[in-house]
Amino acid sequence: MFLGEILALLSALAFALFNVTVSATSGSRGDKGVLFSVIVTIGFSAAVFLVLEAGRAPIPTGPDTWWGLAFFAGAGVSAMAFGRSLVFSSIRRLGPTRASAVKRLNPFFSVVLAALILAEPVTALDGWGLLAIACAFALLVSDSLRRANAAQASVTPLAYGIGAAAALAYAVAYVGRKAGLDLVDAPALGTLVSALAGFAAFALLALVSPVYRGMFRGVFRNIDRPVLFSAILVSVGQILMFAALAHAPVTTVVMISSLEIFFSLFLSWLVFGTEQRPGLPVFLSAALAVTGVVLVAAG
């Protein structure tokens, strides 16, 4: 009972710790650990699959299984090749608090896609909640434009656009994961297939892009402590999120994961001291986002 909700909460905590840790990779070389984090996820998920799922029951080989694996692979390309690259860039541009707040667009996209693709119902309360989340995003952008001091000069609308694109990529991945899990009830296998697909996407990009070729050449050479910790944390968060989706609807899991912003605020400001006390607009946007979460959950 409430297993999906508990797993989603633990996933939110892991991602919040990731937000704080990856912001410390600004002195790192290379891709700041994006490709390495995918490799770590492959290792983690393979181990969990072998220990917990491989011997549980034979996986059928019918059409439903192949469709499920295809959904897992598509989700992996969306989340790991696109979403993860964008979120790394977003966190370094915005800092963990603002990046986490922008990521609250994830529920907005996820609920809409879940309704359109998975036929999950959208009530009037859901609509008001989505409007509150959209207003929270608008408030953050407005705050950025009003700030003229040098410390905030680099926080541009483009940085928020990158965060919004990451949220959309993850929303597509959530729906793909849930669709796959409805056909193949194996969260660790789904995580493994998704990670392998993401890695394959990076490899294909490396064939045409010197930037991605450099990522492969320096994937193990550019590791420092923040890169290592952030890769472990995002991998744990990914596995927990997949497991949560196996036990709860997309809407429920995504709403609970929105608590990540509070974990990020507390950890980065009060615990690690990596950010100054956020201004009033950030707190107001966080309050709006949480209001939206509550409304959607109630709906």
C-alpha atoms as a PDB file:
ATOM      1  CA  MET A   1       0.000   0.000   0.000  1.00  0.00           C
ATOM      2  CA  PHE A   2       1.328   3.435  -1.014  1.00  0.00           C
ATOM      3  CA  LEU A   3       4.453   1.738  -2.371  1.00  0.00           C
ATOM      4  CA  GLY A   4       4.378   3.821  -5.546  1.00  0.00           C
ATOM      5  CA  GLU A   5       4.003   7.047  -3.578  1.00  0.00           C
ATOM      6  CA  ILE A   6       6.904   6.159  -1.252  1.00  0.00           C
ATOM      7  CA  LEU A   7       9.158   5.271  -4.169  1.00  0.00           C
ATOM      8  CA  ALA A   8       8.258   8.538  -5.909  1.00  0.00           C
ATOM      9  CA  LEU A   9       9.125  10.473  -2.741  1.00  0.00           C
ATOM     10  CA  LEU A  10      12.507   8.743  -2.462  1.00  0.00           C
ATOM     11  CA  SER A  11      13.119   9.435  -6.135  1.00  0.00           C
ATOM     12  CA  ALA A  12      12.415  13.131  -5.571  1.00  0.00           C
ATOM     13  CA  LEU A  13      14.965  13.193  -2.754  1.00  0.00           C
ATOM     14  CA  ALA A  14      17.586  11.504  -4.926  1.00  0.00           C
ATOM     15  CA  PHE A  15      17.006  13.973  -7.763  1.00  0.00           C
ATOM     16  CA  ALA A  16      17.186  16.918  -5.350  1.00  0.00           C
ATOM     17  CA  LEU A  17      20.570  15.697  -4.106  1.00  0.00           C
ATOM     18  CA  PHE A  18      21.580  15.312  -7.754  1.00  0.00           C
ATOM     19  CA  ASN A  19      20.543  18.922  -8.449  1.00  0.00           C
ATOM     20  CA  VAL A  20      22.822  20.204  -5.702  1.00  0.00           C
ATOM     21  CA  THR A  21      25.721  17.908  -6.576  1.00  0.00           C
ATOM     22  CA  VAL A  22      25.767  18.479 -10.335  1.00  0.00           C
ATOM     23  CA  SER A  23      25.890  22.248  -9.810  1.00  0.00           C
ATOM     24  CA  ALA A  24      29.347  21.659  -8.299  1.00  0.00           C
ATOM     25  CA  THR A  25      30.629  20.197 -11.594  1.00  0.00           C
ATOM     26  CA  SER A  26      31.293  23.662 -13.067  1.00  0.00           C
ATOM     27  CA  GLY A  27      35.032  23.084 -12.654  1.00  0.00           C
ATOM     28  CA  SER A  28      34.904  19.707 -14.356  1.00  0.00           C
ATOM     29  CA  ARG A  29      36.032  19.128 -17.898  1.00  0.00           C
ATOM     30  CA  GLY A  30      34.257  17.350 -20.718  1.00  0.00           C
ATOM     31  CA  ASP A  31      30.476  16.833 -20.696  1.00  0.00           C
ATOM     32  CA  LYS A  32      30.217  17.308 -16.909  1.00  0.00           C
ATOM     33  CA  GLY A  33      29.253  13.660 -16.458  1.00  0.00           C
ATOM     34  CA  VAL A  34      26.221  13.317 -18.747  1.00  0.00           C
ATOM     35  CA  LEU A  35      27.522  10.260 -20.628  1.00  0.00           C
ATOM     36  CA  PHE A  36      29.138   8.789 -17.516  1.00  0.00           C
ATOM     37  CA  SER A  37      25.828   9.029 -15.659  1.00  0.00           C
ATOM     38  CA  VAL A  38      24.153   6.983 -18.409  1.00  0.00           C
ATOM     39  CA  ILE A  39      26.834   4.294 -18.065  1.00  0.00           C
ATOM     40  CA  VAL A  40      26.339   4.234 -14.287  1.00  0.00           C
ATOM     41  CA  THR A  41      22.575   3.862 -14.789  1.00  0.00           C
ATOM     42  CA  ILE A  42      23.189   0.886 -17.092  1.00  0.00           C
ATOM     43  CA  GLY A  43      25.314  -0.767 -14.414  1.00  0.00           C
ATOM     44  CA  PHE A  44      22.881  -0.054 -11.562  1.00  0.00           C
ATOM     45  CA  SER A  45      19.798  -1.199 -13.443  1.00  0.00           C
ATOM     46  CA  ALA A  46      21.493  -4.334 -14.775  1.00  0.00           C
ATOM     47  CA  ALA A  47      22.486  -5.323 -11.234  1.00  0.00           C
ATOM     48  CA  VAL A  48      18.977  -4.699  -9.880  1.00  0.00           C
ATOM     49  CA  PHE A  49      17.447  -6.643 -12.768  1.00  0.00           C
ATOM     50  CA  LEU A  50      19.715  -9.646 -12.221  1.00  0.00           C
ATOM     51  CA  VAL A  51      19.120  -9.693  -8.467  1.00  0.00           C
ATOM     52  CA  LEU A  52      15.400  -8.894  -8.245  1.00  0.00           C
ATOM     53  CA  GLU A  53      13.733  -9.583 -11.577  1.00  0.00           C
ATOM     54  CA  ALA A  54      15.653 -12.034 -13.758  1.00  0.00           C
ATOM     55  CA  GLY A  55      14.737 -15.085 -11.683  1.00  0.00           C
ATOM     56  CA  ARG A  56      11.260 -13.967 -10.647  1.00  0.00           C
ATOM     57  CA  ALA A  57       9.433 -15.258 -13.711  1.00  0.00           C
ATOM     58  CA  PRO A  58      10.281 -15.774 -17.383  1.00  0.00           C
ATOM     59  CA  ILE A  59       9.475 -12.744 -19.508  1.00  0.00           C
ATOM     60  CA  PRO A  60       7.114 -13.683 -22.366  1.00  0.00           C
ATOM     61  CA  THR A  61       8.307 -13.106 -25.918  1.00  0.00           C
ATOM     62  CA  GLY A  62       5.010 -12.116 -27.544  1.00  0.00           C
ATOM     63  CA  PRO A  63       4.187  -8.885 -29.402  1.00  0.00           C
ATOM     64  CA  ASP A  64       3.209  -7.084 -26.181  1.00  0.00           C
ATOM     65  CA  THR A  65       6.695  -7.642 -24.773  1.00  0.00           C
ATOM     66  CA  TRP A  66       8.359  -6.243 -27.877  1.00  0.00           C
ATOM     67  CA  TRP A  67       6.060  -3.224 -27.814  1.00  0.00           C
ATOM     68  CA  GLY A  68       6.876  -2.716 -24.136  1.00  0.00           C
ATOM     69  CA  LEU A  69      10.607  -2.831 -24.824  1.00  0.00           C
ATOM     70  CA  ALA A  70      10.101  -0.368 -27.683  1.00  0.00           C
ATOM     71  CA  PHE A  71       8.332   2.049 -25.312  1.00  0.00           C
ATOM     72  CA  PHE A  72      11.200   1.662 -22.823  1.00  0.00           C
ATOM     73  CA  ALA A  73      13.747   2.413 -25.555  1.00  0.00           C
ATOM     74  CA  GLY A  74      11.862   5.472 -26.767  1.00  0.00           C
ATOM     75  CA  ALA A  75      11.593   6.741 -23.209  1.00  0.00           C
ATOM     76  CA  GLY A  76      15.326   6.236 -22.787  1.00  0.00           C
ATOM     77  CA  VAL A  77      16.167   8.319 -25.843  1.00  0.00           C
ATOM     78  CA  SER A  78      13.824  11.083 -24.689  1.00  0.00           C
ATOM     79  CA  ALA A  79      14.972  11.136 -21.048  1.00  0.00           C
ATOM     80  CA  MET A  80      18.671  10.304 -21.276  1.00  0.00           C
ATOM     81  CA  ALA A  81      19.795  11.608 -24.644  1.00  0.00           C
ATOM     82  CA  PHE A  82      17.677  14.767 -24.574  1.00  0.00           C
ATOM     83  CA  GLY A  83      16.275  15.338 -21.077  1.00  0.00           C
ATOM     84  CA  ARG A  84      19.445  14.546 -19.151  1.00  0.00           C
ATOM     85  CA  SER A  85      21.680  16.652 -21.404  1.00  0.00           C
ATOM     86  CA  LEU A  86      19.275  19.579 -21.153  1.00  0.00           C
ATOM     87  CA  VAL A  87      18.823  19.320 -17.395  1.00  0.00           C
ATOM     88  CA  PHE A  88      22.595  19.282 -16.806  1.00  0.00           C
ATOM     89  CA  SER A  89      22.842  22.484 -18.836  1.00  0.00           C
ATOM     90  CA  SER A  90      19.832  23.995 -17.081  1.00  0.00           C
ATOM     91  CA  ILE A  91      21.190  23.375 -13.578  1.00  0.00           C
ATOM     92  CA  ARG A  92      24.553  24.933 -14.396  1.00  0.00           C
ATOM     93  CA  ARG A  93      22.891  27.999 -15.930  1.00  0.00           C
ATOM     94  CA  LEU A  94      20.162  28.514 -13.338  1.00  0.00           C
ATOM     95  CA  GLY A  95      21.459  26.853 -10.158  1.00  0.00           C
ATOM     96  CA  PRO A  96      19.695  23.949  -8.432  1.00  0.00           C
ATOM     97  CA  THR A  97      16.807  25.971  -6.969  1.00  0.00           C
ATOM     98  CA  ARG A  98      15.645  27.736 -10.133  1.00  0.00           C
ATOM     99  CA  ALA A  99      16.355  24.706 -12.328  1.00  0.00           C
ATOM    100  CA  SER A 100      14.250  22.549 -10.026  1.00  0.00           C
ATOM    101  CA  ALA A 101      11.457  25.139 -10.136  1.00  0.00           C
ATOM    102  CA  VAL A 102      11.493  25.238 -13.943  1.00  0.00           C
ATOM    103  CA  LYS A 103      11.393  21.456 -13.951  1.00  0.00           C
ATOM    104  CA  ARG A 104       7.928  21.810 -12.379  1.00  0.00           C
ATOM    105  CA  LEU A 105       6.681  22.214 -15.936  1.00  0.00           C
ATOM    106  CA  ASN A 106       7.140  18.454 -16.045  1.00  0.00           C
ATOM    107  CA  PRO A 107       3.730  17.837 -14.397  1.00  0.00           C
ATOM    108  CA  PHE A 108       2.119  20.295 -16.816  1.00  0.00           C
ATOM    109  CA  PHE A 109       3.391  18.358 -19.813  1.00  0.00           C
ATOM    110  CA  SER A 110       3.012  14.938 -18.181  1.00  0.00           C
ATOM    111  CA  VAL A 111      -0.650  15.315 -17.235  1.00  0.00           C
ATOM    112  CA  VAL A 112      -1.553  16.574 -20.702  1.00  0.00           C
ATOM    113  CA  LEU A 113       0.341  13.757 -22.436  1.00  0.00           C
ATOM    114  CA  ALA A 114      -1.015  11.119 -20.037  1.00  0.00           C
ATOM    115  CA  ALA A 115      -4.534  12.304 -20.818  1.00  0.00           C
ATOM    116  CA  LEU A 116      -3.980  12.312 -24.570  1.00  0.00           C
ATOM    117  CA  ILE A 117      -1.989   9.081 -24.868  1.00  0.00           C
ATOM    118  CA  LEU A 118      -2.865   6.944 -21.825  1.00  0.00           C
ATOM    119  CA  ALA A 119      -6.430   8.269 -21.412  1.00  0.00           C
ATOM    120  CA  GLU A 120      -5.837   9.244 -17.777  1.00  0.00           C
ATOM    121  CA  PRO A 121      -8.689  11.609 -16.799  1.00  0.00           C
ATOM    122  CA  VAL A 122      -8.161  15.390 -16.453  1.00  0.00           C
ATOM    123  CA  THR A 123     -10.626  17.103 -14.094  1.00  0.00           C
ATOM    124  CA  ALA A 124     -11.396  20.764 -13.512  1.00  0.00           C
ATOM    125  CA  LEU A 125      -9.031  20.746 -10.511  1.00  0.00           C
ATOM    126  CA  ASP A 126      -6.328  19.339 -12.775  1.00  0.00           C
ATOM    127  CA  GLY A 127      -6.849  22.265 -15.125  1.00  0.00           C
ATOM    128  CA  TRP A 128      -6.507  24.833 -12.334  1.00  0.00           C
ATOM    129  CA  GLY A 129      -3.419  23.053 -11.070  1.00  0.00           C
ATOM    130  CA  LEU A 130      -1.786  23.104 -14.479  1.00  0.00           C
ATOM    131  CA  LEU A 131      -2.580  26.830 -14.755  1.00  0.00           C
ATOM    132  CA  ALA A 132      -0.877  27.445 -11.382  1.00  0.00           C
ATOM    133  CA  ILE A 133       2.237  25.576 -12.534  1.00  0.00           C
ATOM    134  CA  ALA A 134       2.331  27.595 -15.754  1.00  0.00           C
ATOM    135  CA  CYS A 135       2.037  30.833 -13.740  1.00  0.00           C
ATOM    136  CA  ALA A 136       4.920  29.704 -11.520  1.00  0.00           C
ATOM    137  CA  PHE A 137       7.108  29.298 -14.594  1.00  0.00           C
ATOM    138  CA  ALA A 138       6.081  32.736 -15.911  1.00  0.00           C
ATOM    139  CA  LEU A 139       6.934  34.308 -12.560  1.00  0.00           C
ATOM    140  CA  LEU A 140      10.442  32.866 -12.627  1.00  0.00           C
ATOM    141  CA  VAL A 141      11.076  34.221 -16.122  1.00  0.00           C
ATOM    142  CA  SER A 142       9.743  37.633 -15.120  1.00  0.00           C
ATOM    143  CA  ASP A 143      12.028  37.654 -12.078  1.00  0.00           C
ATOM    144  CA  SER A 144      15.012  36.910 -14.304  1.00  0.00           C
ATOM    145  CA  LEU A 145      14.223  39.789 -16.659  1.00  0.00           C
ATOM    146  CA  ARG A 146      13.888  42.253 -13.768  1.00  0.00           C
ATOM    147  CA  ARG A 147      17.274  41.435 -12.310  1.00  0.00           C
ATOM    148  CA  ALA A 148      20.046  43.637 -13.681  1.00  0.00           C
ATOM    149  CA  ASN A 149      22.916  42.913 -11.325  1.00  0.00           C
ATOM    150  CA  ALA A 150      25.991  41.124 -12.647  1.00  0.00           C
ATOM    151  CA  ALA A 151      25.371  37.993 -10.638  1.00  0.00           C
ATOM    152  CA  GLN A 152      22.123  37.371 -12.471  1.00  0.00           C
ATOM    153  CA  ALA A 153      23.164  38.629 -15.904  1.00  0.00           C
ATOM    154  CA  SER A 154      23.753  35.119 -17.197  1.00  0.00           C
ATOM    155  CA  VAL A 155      20.282  33.939 -16.162  1.00  0.00           C
ATOM    156  CA  THR A 156      18.521  34.611 -19.456  1.00  0.00           C
ATOM    157  CA  PRO A 157      15.191  33.480 -20.892  1.00  0.00           C
ATOM    158  CA  LEU A 158      17.195  30.987 -22.966  1.00  0.00           C
ATOM    159  CA  ALA A 159      18.305  29.270 -19.750  1.00  0.00           C
ATOM    160  CA  TYR A 160      14.676  28.871 -18.717  1.00  0.00           C
ATOM    161  CA  GLY A 161      13.834  27.632 -22.220  1.00  0.00           C
ATOM    162  CA  ILE A 162      16.430  24.890 -21.836  1.00  0.00           C
ATOM    163  CA  GLY A 163      14.833  23.880 -18.554  1.00  0.00           C
ATOM    164  CA  ALA A 164      11.377  23.813 -20.145  1.00  0.00           C
ATOM    165  CA  ALA A 165      12.660  21.631 -22.985  1.00  0.00           C
ATOM    166  CA  ALA A 166      14.131  19.225 -20.446  1.00  0.00           C
ATOM    167  CA  ALA A 167      10.772  19.067 -18.654  1.00  0.00           C
ATOM    168  CA  LEU A 168       9.001  18.207 -21.923  1.00  0.00           C
ATOM    169  CA  ALA A 169      11.546  15.499 -22.740  1.00  0.00           C
ATOM    170  CA  TYR A 170      11.072  13.916 -19.310  1.00  0.00           C
ATOM    171  CA  ALA A 171       7.281  14.138 -19.627  1.00  0.00           C
ATOM    172  CA  VAL A 172       7.430  12.191 -22.885  1.00  0.00           C
ATOM    173  CA  ALA A 173       9.671   9.673 -21.133  1.00  0.00           C
ATOM    174  CA  TYR A 174       7.228   9.265 -18.201  1.00  0.00           C
ATOM    175  CA  VAL A 175       4.391   8.406 -20.551  1.00  0.00           C
ATOM    176  CA  GLY A 176       6.599   6.015 -22.521  1.00  0.00           C
ATOM    177  CA  ARG A 177       7.753   4.271 -19.355  1.00  0.00           C
ATOM    178  CA  LYS A 178       4.205   3.825 -18.061  1.00  0.00           C
ATOM    179  CA  ALA A 179       3.039   2.489 -21.414  1.00  0.00           C
ATOM    180  CA  GLY A 180       5.931   0.019 -21.393  1.00  0.00           C
ATOM    181  CA  LEU A 181       5.285  -1.065 -17.811  1.00  0.00           C
ATOM    182  CA  ASP A 182       1.643  -1.755 -18.625  1.00  0.00           C
ATOM    183  CA  LEU A 183       2.959  -4.372 -21.082  1.00  0.00           C
ATOM    184  CA  VAL A 184       6.128  -5.581 -19.298  1.00  0.00           C
ATOM    185  CA  ASP A 185       6.026  -5.461 -15.492  1.00  0.00           C
ATOM    186  CA  ALA A 186       9.775  -5.198 -14.924  1.00  0.00           C
ATOM    187  CA  PRO A 187      10.926  -1.720 -13.762  1.00  0.00           C
ATOM    188  CA  ALA A 188      14.624  -2.575 -13.585  1.00  0.00           C
ATOM    189  CA  LEU A 189      14.552  -4.105 -17.057  1.00  0.00           C
ATOM    190  CA  GLY A 190      12.773  -1.006 -18.306  1.00  0.00           C
ATOM    191  CA  THR A 191      15.434   1.215 -16.767  1.00  0.00           C
ATOM    192  CA  LEU A 192      18.173  -0.924 -18.322  1.00  0.00           C
ATOM    193  CA  VAL A 193      16.623  -0.851 -21.800  1.00  0.00           C
ATOM    194  CA  SER A 194      16.053   2.903 -21.514  1.00  0.00           C
ATOM    195  CA  ALA A 195      19.652   3.505 -20.464  1.00  0.00           C
ATOM    196  CA  LEU A 196      21.011   1.336 -23.269  1.00  0.00           C
ATOM    197  CA  ALA A 197      18.861   3.201 -25.790  1.00  0.00           C
ATOM    198  CA  GLY A 198      20.097   6.512 -24.439  1.00  0.00           C
ATOM    199  CA  PHE A 199      23.691   5.352 -24.723  1.00  0.00           C
ATOM    200  CA  ALA A 200      23.059   4.190 -28.302  1.00  0.00           C
ATOM    201  CA  ALA A 201      21.638   7.620 -29.140  1.00  0.00           C
ATOM    202  CA  PHE A 202      24.807   9.283 -27.821  1.00  0.00           C
ATOM    203  CA  ALA A 203      26.885   6.857 -29.904  1.00  0.00           C
ATOM    204  CA  LEU A 204      24.970   7.724 -33.077  1.00  0.00           C
ATOM    205  CA  LEU A 205      25.419  11.428 -32.391  1.00  0.00           C
ATOM    206  CA  ALA A 206      29.150  10.812 -31.950  1.00  0.00           C
ATOM    207  CA  LEU A 207      29.309   9.568 -35.556  1.00  0.00           C
ATOM    208  CA  VAL A 208      28.403  13.023 -36.849  1.00  0.00           C
ATOM    209  CA  SER A 209      29.402  15.388 -34.055  1.00  0.00           C
ATOM    210  CA  PRO A 210      32.956  16.029 -32.833  1.00  0.00           C
ATOM    211  CA  VAL A 211      31.520  17.267 -29.539  1.00  0.00           C
ATOM    212  CA  TYR A 212      29.949  13.886 -28.801  1.00  0.00           C
ATOM    213  CA  ARG A 213      33.050  12.054 -30.011  1.00  0.00           C
ATOM    214  CA  GLY A 214      34.973  14.048 -27.436  1.00  0.00           C
ATOM    215  CA  MET A 215      32.475  12.959 -24.788  1.00  0.00           C
ATOM    216  CA  PHE A 216      33.234   9.307 -25.517  1.00  0.00           C
ATOM    217  CA  ARG A 217      37.001   9.828 -25.589  1.00  0.00           C
ATOM    218  CA  GLY A 218      36.975  11.626 -22.259  1.00  0.00           C
ATOM    219  CA  VAL A 219      34.128   9.836 -20.506  1.00  0.00           C
ATOM    220  CA  PHE A 220      36.363   8.282 -17.834  1.00  0.00           C
ATOM    221  CA  ARG A 221      39.166  10.824 -17.987  1.00  0.00           C
ATOM    222  CA  ASN A 222      36.960  13.731 -16.918  1.00  0.00           C
ATOM    223  CA  ILE A 223      35.514  12.219 -13.739  1.00  0.00           C
ATOM    224  CA  ASP A 224      35.832  14.110 -10.486  1.00  0.00           C
ATOM    225  CA  ARG A 225      34.014  13.647  -7.179  1.00  0.00           C
ATOM    226  CA  PRO A 226      30.924  15.777  -8.046  1.00  0.00           C
ATOM    227  CA  VAL A 227      30.579  13.980 -11.387  1.00  0.00           C
ATOM    228  CA  LEU A 228      30.755  10.585  -9.668  1.00  0.00           C
ATOM    229  CA  PHE A 229      28.233  11.462  -6.957  1.00  0.00           C
ATOM    230  CA  SER A 230      25.822  13.149  -9.369  1.00  0.00           C
ATOM    231  CA  ALA A 231      25.928  10.122 -11.694  1.00  0.00           C
ATOM    232  CA  ILE A 232      25.125   7.764  -8.816  1.00  0.00           C
ATOM    233  CA  LEU A 233      22.303   9.971  -7.514  1.00  0.00           C
ATOM    234  CA  VAL A 234      20.614  10.470 -10.876  1.00  0.00           C
ATOM    235  CA  SER A 235      20.845   6.724 -11.531  1.00  0.00           C
ATOM    236  CA  VAL A 236      19.231   5.877  -8.193  1.00  0.00           C
ATOM    237  CA  GLY A 237      16.538   8.480  -8.829  1.00  0.00           C
ATOM    238  CA  GLN A 238      15.889   7.016 -12.269  1.00  0.00           C
ATOM    239  CA  ILE A 239      15.452   3.464 -10.963  1.00  0.00           C
ATOM    240  CA  LEU A 240      13.190   4.604  -8.122  1.00  0.00           C
ATOM    241  CA  MET A 241      11.061   6.635 -10.521  1.00  0.00           C
ATOM    242  CA  PHE A 242      10.651   3.662 -12.842  1.00  0.00           C
ATOM    243  CA  ALA A 243       9.627   1.485  -9.893  1.00  0.00           C
ATOM    244  CA  ALA A 244       7.146   4.122  -8.711  1.00  0.00           C
ATOM    245  CA  LEU A 245       5.485   4.212 -12.135  1.00  0.00           C
ATOM    246  CA  ALA A 246       4.981   0.450 -11.904  1.00  0.00           C
ATOM    247  CA  HIS A 247       2.797   0.948  -8.811  1.00  0.00           C
ATOM    248  CA  ALA A 248       1.020   4.281  -9.392  1.00  0.00           C
ATOM    249  CA  PRO A 249      -0.444   6.378 -12.242  1.00  0.00           C
ATOM    250  CA  VAL A 250       1.736   8.853 -14.130  1.00  0.00           C
ATOM    251  CA  THR A 251      -0.132  11.825 -12.664  1.00  0.00           C
ATOM    252  CA  THR A 252       0.355  10.678  -9.057  1.00  0.00           C
ATOM    253  CA  VAL A 253       4.056   9.929  -9.483  1.00  0.00           C
ATOM    254  CA  VAL A 254       4.821  13.194 -11.253  1.00  0.00           C
ATOM    255  CA  MET A 255       2.930  15.242  -8.674  1.00  0.00           C
ATOM    256  CA  ILE A 256       4.824  13.672  -5.775  1.00  0.00           C
ATOM    257  CA  SER A 257       8.112  14.165  -7.583  1.00  0.00           C
ATOM    258  CA  SER A 258       7.328  17.889  -7.627  1.00  0.00           C
ATOM    259  CA  LEU A 259       8.345  17.951  -3.964  1.00  0.00           C
ATOM    260  CA  GLU A 260      11.877  17.848  -5.328  1.00  0.00           C
ATOM    261  CA  ILE A 261      11.875  21.653  -5.396  1.00  0.00           C
ATOM    262  CA  PHE A 262      11.521  21.825  -1.618  1.00  0.00           C
ATOM    263  CA  PHE A 263      14.244  19.270  -1.098  1.00  0.00           C
ATOM    264  CA  SER A 264      16.480  21.292  -3.419  1.00  0.00           C
ATOM    265  CA  LEU A 265      15.704  24.556  -1.615  1.00  0.00           C
ATOM    266  CA  PHE A 266      16.458  23.079   1.787  1.00  0.00           C
ATOM    267  CA  LEU A 267      19.604  21.232   0.740  1.00  0.00           C
ATOM    268  CA  SER A 268      21.236  23.941  -1.394  1.00  0.00           C
ATOM    269  CA  TRP A 269      20.426  26.872   0.887  1.00  0.00           C
ATOM    270  CA  LEU A 270      20.278  25.594   4.479  1.00  0.00           C
ATOM    271  CA  VAL A 271      22.401  22.424   4.389  1.00  0.00           C
ATOM    272  CA  PHE A 272      25.135  22.821   1.772  1.00  0.00           C
ATOM    273  CA  GLY A 273      25.181  26.617   1.526  1.00  0.00           C
ATOM    274  CA  THR A 274      25.736  26.489  -2.241  1.00  0.00           C
ATOM    275  CA  GLU A 275      23.148  29.202  -2.898  1.00  0.00           C
ATOM    276  CA  GLN A 276      22.099  32.395  -1.179  1.00  0.00           C
ATOM    277  CA  ARG A 277      18.644  32.713   0.292  1.00  0.00           C
ATOM    278  CA  PRO A 278      16.211  32.744  -2.643  1.00  0.00           C
ATOM    279  CA  GLY A 279      14.267  35.927  -3.274  1.00  0.00           C
ATOM    280  CA  LEU A 280      10.544  36.382  -2.805  1.00  0.00           C
ATOM    281  CA  PRO A 281       9.654  35.623  -6.471  1.00  0.00           C
ATOM    282  CA  VAL A 282      11.303  32.199  -6.195  1.00  0.00           C
ATOM    283  CA  PHE A 283       9.334  31.396  -3.043  1.00  0.00           C
ATOM    284  CA  LEU A 284       6.123  32.644  -4.653  1.00  0.00           C
ATOM    285  CA  SER A 285       6.742  30.533  -7.736  1.00  0.00           C
ATOM    286  CA  ALA A 286       7.447  27.525  -5.513  1.00  0.00           C
ATOM    287  CA  ALA A 287       4.201  28.142  -3.641  1.00  0.00           C
ATOM    288  CA  LEU A 288       2.306  28.375  -6.924  1.00  0.00           C
ATOM    289  CA  ALA A 289       3.910  25.166  -8.142  1.00  0.00           C
ATOM    290  CA  VAL A 290       2.971  23.315  -4.961  1.00  0.00           C
ATOM    291  CA  THR A 291      -0.572  24.694  -5.158  1.00  0.00           C
ATOM    292  CA  GLY A 292      -0.726  23.269  -8.650  1.00  0.00           C
ATOM    293  CA  VAL A 293       0.569  19.926  -7.398  1.00  0.00           C
ATOM    294  CA  VAL A 294      -2.082  19.787  -4.667  1.00  0.00           C
ATOM    295  CA  LEU A 295      -4.877  20.700  -7.076  1.00  0.00           C
ATOM    296  CA  VAL A 296      -3.854  18.074  -9.621  1.00  0.00           C
ATOM    297  CA  ALA A 297      -3.450  15.432  -6.900  1.00  0.00           C
ATOM    298  CA  ALA A 298      -6.883  16.307  -5.503  1.00  0.00           C
ATOM    299  CA  GLY A 299      -8.371  16.085  -8.997  1.00  0.00           C
END
